[in-house]
Amino acid sequence: MATDISHIQGWSVNMSINCTKKQKQKVLEGTRSAAFVQKQHVSMENMLENMVRQL
């Protein structure tokens, strides 16, 4: 029985490690997409400024 308990403990530790890795990945993806949207927004503003200058 003792081996079963240690096996379960190891499994739960692995599960929690995997969960934190997935959460970190999600956070990274979120910051990347946010930065991408910001870049797009800046380029849109630049385009509008250029259009206004041409008028």
PDB file of N, CA and C in Angstrom:
ATOM      1  N   MET A   1       0.834  -1.214   0.000  1.00  0.00           N
ATOM      2  CA  MET A   1       0.000   0.000   0.000  1.00  0.00           C
ATOM      3  C   MET A   1       0.870   1.266   0.000  1.00  0.00           C
ATOM      4  N   ALA A   2       2.006   1.202   0.683  1.00  0.00           N
ATOM      5  CA  ALA A   2       2.864   2.391   0.775  1.00  0.00           C
ATOM      6  C   ALA A   2       3.329   2.821  -0.615  1.00  0.00           C
ATOM      7  N   THR A   3       3.640   1.846  -1.468  1.00  0.00           N
ATOM      8  CA  THR A   3       4.093   2.197  -2.821  1.00  0.00           C
ATOM      9  C   THR A   3       2.957   2.871  -3.585  1.00  0.00           C
ATOM     10  N   ASP A   4       1.719   2.410  -3.367  1.00  0.00           N
ATOM     11  CA  ASP A   4       0.578   3.021  -4.051  1.00  0.00           C
ATOM     12  C   ASP A   4       0.439   4.486  -3.647  1.00  0.00           C
ATOM     13  N   ILE A   5       0.592   4.758  -2.346  1.00  0.00           N
ATOM     14  CA  ILE A   5       0.442   6.132  -1.858  1.00  0.00           C
ATOM     15  C   ILE A   5       1.505   7.025  -2.488  1.00  0.00           C
ATOM     16  N   SER A   6       2.761   6.567  -2.504  1.00  0.00           N
ATOM     17  CA  SER A   6       3.829   7.389  -3.075  1.00  0.00           C
ATOM     18  C   SER A   6       3.588   7.593  -4.565  1.00  0.00           C
ATOM     19  N   HIS A   7       3.044   6.583  -5.232  1.00  0.00           N
ATOM     20  CA  HIS A   7       2.745   6.696  -6.660  1.00  0.00           C
ATOM     21  C   HIS A   7       1.688   7.774  -6.890  1.00  0.00           C
ATOM     22  N   ILE A   8       0.659   7.767  -6.044  1.00  0.00           N
ATOM     23  CA  ILE A   8      -0.416   8.764  -6.159  1.00  0.00           C
ATOM     24  C   ILE A   8       0.139  10.158  -5.875  1.00  0.00           C
ATOM     25  N   GLN A   9       0.997  10.273  -4.856  1.00  0.00           N
ATOM     26  CA  GLN A   9       1.584  11.576  -4.534  1.00  0.00           C
ATOM     27  C   GLN A   9       2.404  12.093  -5.711  1.00  0.00           C
ATOM     28  N   GLY A  10       3.226  11.225  -6.295  1.00  0.00           N
ATOM     29  CA  GLY A  10       4.030  11.631  -7.446  1.00  0.00           C
ATOM     30  C   GLY A  10       3.150  12.058  -8.601  1.00  0.00           C
ATOM     31  N   TRP A  11       2.049  11.334  -8.813  1.00  0.00           N
ATOM     32  CA  TRP A  11       1.132  11.657  -9.908  1.00  0.00           C
ATOM     33  C   TRP A  11       0.501  13.028  -9.701  1.00  0.00           C
ATOM     34  N   SER A  12       0.076  13.310  -8.467  1.00  0.00           N
ATOM     35  CA  SER A  12      -0.561  14.606  -8.191  1.00  0.00           C
ATOM     36  C   SER A  12       0.448  15.739  -8.368  1.00  0.00           C
ATOM     37  N   VAL A  13       1.706  15.505  -7.989  1.00  0.00           N
ATOM     38  CA  VAL A  13       2.739  16.532  -8.171  1.00  0.00           C
ATOM     39  C   VAL A  13       2.941  16.788  -9.656  1.00  0.00           C
ATOM     40  N   ASN A  14       3.016  15.713 -10.447  1.00  0.00           N
ATOM     41  CA  ASN A  14       3.175  15.872 -11.892  1.00  0.00           C
ATOM     42  C   ASN A  14       1.995  16.632 -12.481  1.00  0.00           C
ATOM     43  N   MET A  15       0.790  16.316 -12.012  1.00  0.00           N
ATOM     44  CA  MET A  15      -0.404  16.990 -12.520  1.00  0.00           C
ATOM     45  C   MET A  15      -0.324  18.494 -12.241  1.00  0.00           C
ATOM     46  N   SER A  16       0.056  18.862 -11.017  1.00  0.00           N
ATOM     47  CA  SER A  16       0.117  20.284 -10.666  1.00  0.00           C
ATOM     48  C   SER A  16       1.204  20.986 -11.476  1.00  0.00           C
ATOM     49  N   ILE A  17       2.330  20.308 -11.727  1.00  0.00           N
ATOM     50  CA  ILE A  17       3.402  20.905 -12.536  1.00  0.00           C
ATOM     51  C   ILE A  17       2.890  21.142 -13.950  1.00  0.00           C
ATOM     52  N   ASN A  18       2.198  20.159 -14.515  1.00  0.00           N
ATOM     53  CA  ASN A  18       1.662  20.311 -15.864  1.00  0.00           C
ATOM     54  C   ASN A  18       0.662  21.460 -15.916  1.00  0.00           C
ATOM     55  N   CYS A  19      -0.168  21.597 -14.881  1.00  0.00           N
ATOM     56  CA  CYS A  19      -1.168  22.666 -14.856  1.00  0.00           C
ATOM     57  C   CYS A  19      -0.484  24.027 -14.858  1.00  0.00           C
ATOM     58  N   THR A  20       0.564  24.196 -14.033  1.00  0.00           N
ATOM     59  CA  THR A  20       1.241  25.487 -13.978  1.00  0.00           C
ATOM     60  C   THR A  20       1.935  25.775 -15.302  1.00  0.00           C
ATOM     61  N   LYS A  21       2.492  24.754 -15.942  1.00  0.00           N
ATOM     62  CA  LYS A  21       3.131  24.958 -17.249  1.00  0.00           C
ATOM     63  C   LYS A  21       2.103  25.447 -18.253  1.00  0.00           C
ATOM     64  N   LYS A  22       0.921  24.816 -18.255  1.00  0.00           N
ATOM     65  CA  LYS A  22      -0.126  25.212 -19.199  1.00  0.00           C
ATOM     66  C   LYS A  22      -0.573  26.635 -18.922  1.00  0.00           C
ATOM     67  N   GLN A  23      -0.709  26.995 -17.647  1.00  0.00           N
ATOM     68  CA  GLN A  23      -1.132  28.351 -17.300  1.00  0.00           C
ATOM     69  C   GLN A  23      -0.099  29.366 -17.775  1.00  0.00           C
ATOM     70  N   LYS A  24       1.190  29.050 -17.559  1.00  0.00           N
ATOM     71  CA  LYS A  24       2.244  29.964 -18.005  1.00  0.00           C
ATOM     72  C   LYS A  24       2.188  30.129 -19.512  1.00  0.00           C
ATOM     73  N   GLN A  25       1.955  29.024 -20.222  1.00  0.00           N
ATOM     74  CA  GLN A  25       1.882  29.079 -21.678  1.00  0.00           C
ATOM     75  C   GLN A  25       0.720  29.976 -22.107  1.00  0.00           C
ATOM     76  N   LYS A  26      -0.418  29.824 -21.437  1.00  0.00           N
ATOM     77  CA  LYS A  26      -1.583  30.654 -21.770  1.00  0.00           C
ATOM     78  C   LYS A  26      -1.265  32.124 -21.538  1.00  0.00           C
ATOM     79  N   VAL A  27      -0.598  32.429 -20.435  1.00  0.00           N
ATOM     80  CA  VAL A  27      -0.252  33.821 -20.133  1.00  0.00           C
ATOM     81  C   VAL A  27       0.682  34.364 -21.204  1.00  0.00           C
ATOM     82  N   LEU A  28       1.682  33.551 -21.599  1.00  0.00           N
ATOM     83  CA  LEU A  28       2.615  33.979 -22.645  1.00  0.00           C
ATOM     84  C   LEU A  28       1.867  34.250 -23.937  1.00  0.00           C
ATOM     85  N   GLU A  29       0.986  33.335 -24.314  1.00  0.00           N
ATOM     86  CA  GLU A  29       0.220  33.516 -25.547  1.00  0.00           C
ATOM     87  C   GLU A  29      -0.627  34.782 -25.462  1.00  0.00           C
ATOM     88  N   GLY A  30      -1.218  35.029 -24.300  1.00  0.00           N
ATOM     89  CA  GLY A  30      -2.045  36.215 -24.126  1.00  0.00           C
ATOM     90  C   GLY A  30      -1.238  37.493 -24.286  1.00  0.00           C
ATOM     91  N   THR A  31      -0.040  37.541 -23.675  1.00  0.00           N
ATOM     92  CA  THR A  31       0.778  38.746 -23.793  1.00  0.00           C
ATOM     93  C   THR A  31       1.251  38.927 -25.225  1.00  0.00           C
ATOM     94  N   ARG A  32       1.569  37.829 -25.908  1.00  0.00           N
ATOM     95  CA  ARG A  32       2.001  37.924 -27.307  1.00  0.00           C
ATOM     96  C   ARG A  32       0.888  38.502 -28.164  1.00  0.00           C
ATOM     97  N   SER A  33      -0.322  37.973 -28.006  1.00  0.00           N
ATOM     98  CA  SER A  33      -1.436  38.455 -28.833  1.00  0.00           C
ATOM     99  C   SER A  33      -1.740  39.913 -28.496  1.00  0.00           C
ATOM    100  N   ALA A  34      -1.625  40.288 -27.233  1.00  0.00           N
ATOM    101  CA  ALA A  34      -1.870  41.677 -26.847  1.00  0.00           C
ATOM    102  C   ALA A  34      -0.835  42.591 -27.497  1.00  0.00           C
ATOM    103  N   ALA A  35       0.431  42.180 -27.487  1.00  0.00           N
ATOM    104  CA  ALA A  35       1.486  42.974 -28.121  1.00  0.00           C
ATOM    105  C   ALA A  35       1.233  43.080 -29.615  1.00  0.00           C
ATOM    106  N   PHE A  36       0.776  41.982 -30.220  1.00  0.00           N
ATOM    107  CA  PHE A  36       0.492  41.977 -31.658  1.00  0.00           C
ATOM    108  C   PHE A  36      -0.624  42.965 -31.971  1.00  0.00           C
ATOM    109  N   VAL A  37      -1.676  42.958 -31.157  1.00  0.00           N
ATOM    110  CA  VAL A  37      -2.800  43.880 -31.370  1.00  0.00           C
ATOM    111  C   VAL A  37      -2.317  45.320 -31.228  1.00  0.00           C
ATOM    112  N   GLN A  38      -1.456  45.574 -30.240  1.00  0.00           N
ATOM    113  CA  GLN A  38      -0.928  46.931 -30.054  1.00  0.00           C
ATOM    114  C   GLN A  38      -0.152  47.371 -31.288  1.00  0.00           C
ATOM    115  N   LYS A  39       0.681  46.475 -31.831  1.00  0.00           N
ATOM    116  CA  LYS A  39       1.454  46.813 -33.031  1.00  0.00           C
ATOM    117  C   LYS A  39       0.516  47.136 -34.181  1.00  0.00           C
ATOM    118  N   GLN A  40      -0.520  46.319 -34.344  1.00  0.00           N
ATOM    119  CA  GLN A  40      -1.484  46.557 -35.417  1.00  0.00           C
ATOM    120  C   GLN A  40      -2.146  47.917 -35.230  1.00  0.00           C
ATOM    121  N   HIS A  41      -2.486  48.234 -33.991  1.00  0.00           N
ATOM    122  CA  HIS A  41      -3.147  49.505 -33.693  1.00  0.00           C
ATOM    123  C   HIS A  41      -2.228  50.667 -34.069  1.00  0.00           C
ATOM    124  N   VAL A  42      -0.944  50.555 -33.723  1.00  0.00           N
ATOM    125  CA  VAL A  42       0.024  51.610 -34.035  1.00  0.00           C
ATOM    126  C   VAL A  42       0.142  51.776 -35.544  1.00  0.00           C
ATOM    127  N   SER A  43       0.228  50.659 -36.265  1.00  0.00           N
ATOM    128  CA  SER A  43       0.362  50.754 -37.724  1.00  0.00           C
ATOM    129  C   SER A  43      -0.901  51.368 -38.329  1.00  0.00           C
ATOM    130  N   MET A  44      -2.061  51.067 -37.760  1.00  0.00           N
ATOM    131  CA  MET A  44      -3.304  51.672 -38.253  1.00  0.00           C
ATOM    132  C   MET A  44      -3.266  53.186 -38.029  1.00  0.00           C
ATOM    133  N   GLU A  45      -2.799  53.617 -36.862  1.00  0.00           N
ATOM    134  CA  GLU A  45      -2.701  55.052 -36.573  1.00  0.00           C
ATOM    135  C   GLU A  45      -1.748  55.718 -37.555  1.00  0.00           C
ATOM    136  N   ASN A  46      -0.618  55.070 -37.837  1.00  0.00           N
ATOM    137  CA  ASN A  46       0.343  55.628 -38.790  1.00  0.00           C
ATOM    138  C   ASN A  46      -0.291  55.759 -40.165  1.00  0.00           C
ATOM    139  N   MET A  47      -1.040  54.744 -40.576  1.00  0.00           N
ATOM    140  CA  MET A  47      -1.709  54.786 -41.879  1.00  0.00           C
ATOM    141  C   MET A  47      -2.679  55.967 -41.934  1.00  0.00           C
ATOM    142  N   LEU A  48      -3.465  56.142 -40.874  1.00  0.00           N
ATOM    143  CA  LEU A  48      -4.433  57.246 -40.843  1.00  0.00           C
ATOM    144  C   LEU A  48      -3.718  58.592 -40.897  1.00  0.00           C
ATOM    145  N   GLU A  49      -2.614  58.712 -40.155  1.00  0.00           N
ATOM    146  CA  GLU A  49      -1.856  59.969 -40.172  1.00  0.00           C
ATOM    147  C   GLU A  49      -1.351  60.263 -41.576  1.00  0.00           C
ATOM    148  N   ASN A  50      -0.826  59.245 -42.257  1.00  0.00           N
ATOM    149  CA  ASN A  50      -0.328  59.435 -43.623  1.00  0.00           C
ATOM    150  C   ASN A  50      -1.452  59.855 -44.553  1.00  0.00           C
ATOM    151  N   MET A  51      -2.627  59.237 -44.388  1.00  0.00           N
ATOM    152  CA  MET A  51      -3.772  59.589 -45.233  1.00  0.00           C
ATOM    153  C   MET A  51      -4.165  61.048 -45.000  1.00  0.00           C
ATOM    154  N   VAL A  52      -4.168  61.475 -43.739  1.00  0.00           N
ATOM    155  CA  VAL A  52      -4.544  62.851 -43.415  1.00  0.00           C
ATOM    156  C   VAL A  52      -3.538  63.819 -44.025  1.00  0.00           C
ATOM    157  N   ARG A  53      -2.246  63.474 -43.973  1.00  0.00           N
ATOM    158  CA  ARG A  53      -1.214  64.351 -44.543  1.00  0.00           C
ATOM    159  C   ARG A  53      -1.410  64.506 -46.044  1.00  0.00           C
ATOM    160  N   GLN A  54      -1.826  63.423 -46.698  1.00  0.00           N
ATOM    161  CA  GLN A  54      -1.983  63.462 -48.154  1.00  0.00           C
ATOM    162  C   GLN A  54      -3.166  64.337 -48.565  1.00  0.00           C
ATOM    163  N   LEU A  55      -4.159  64.497 -47.699  1.00  0.00           N
ATOM    164  CA  LEU A  55      -5.365  65.258 -48.075  1.00  0.00           C
ATOM    165  C   LEU A  55      -5.097  66.742 -48.275  1.00  0.00           C
TER     166      LEU A  55
END
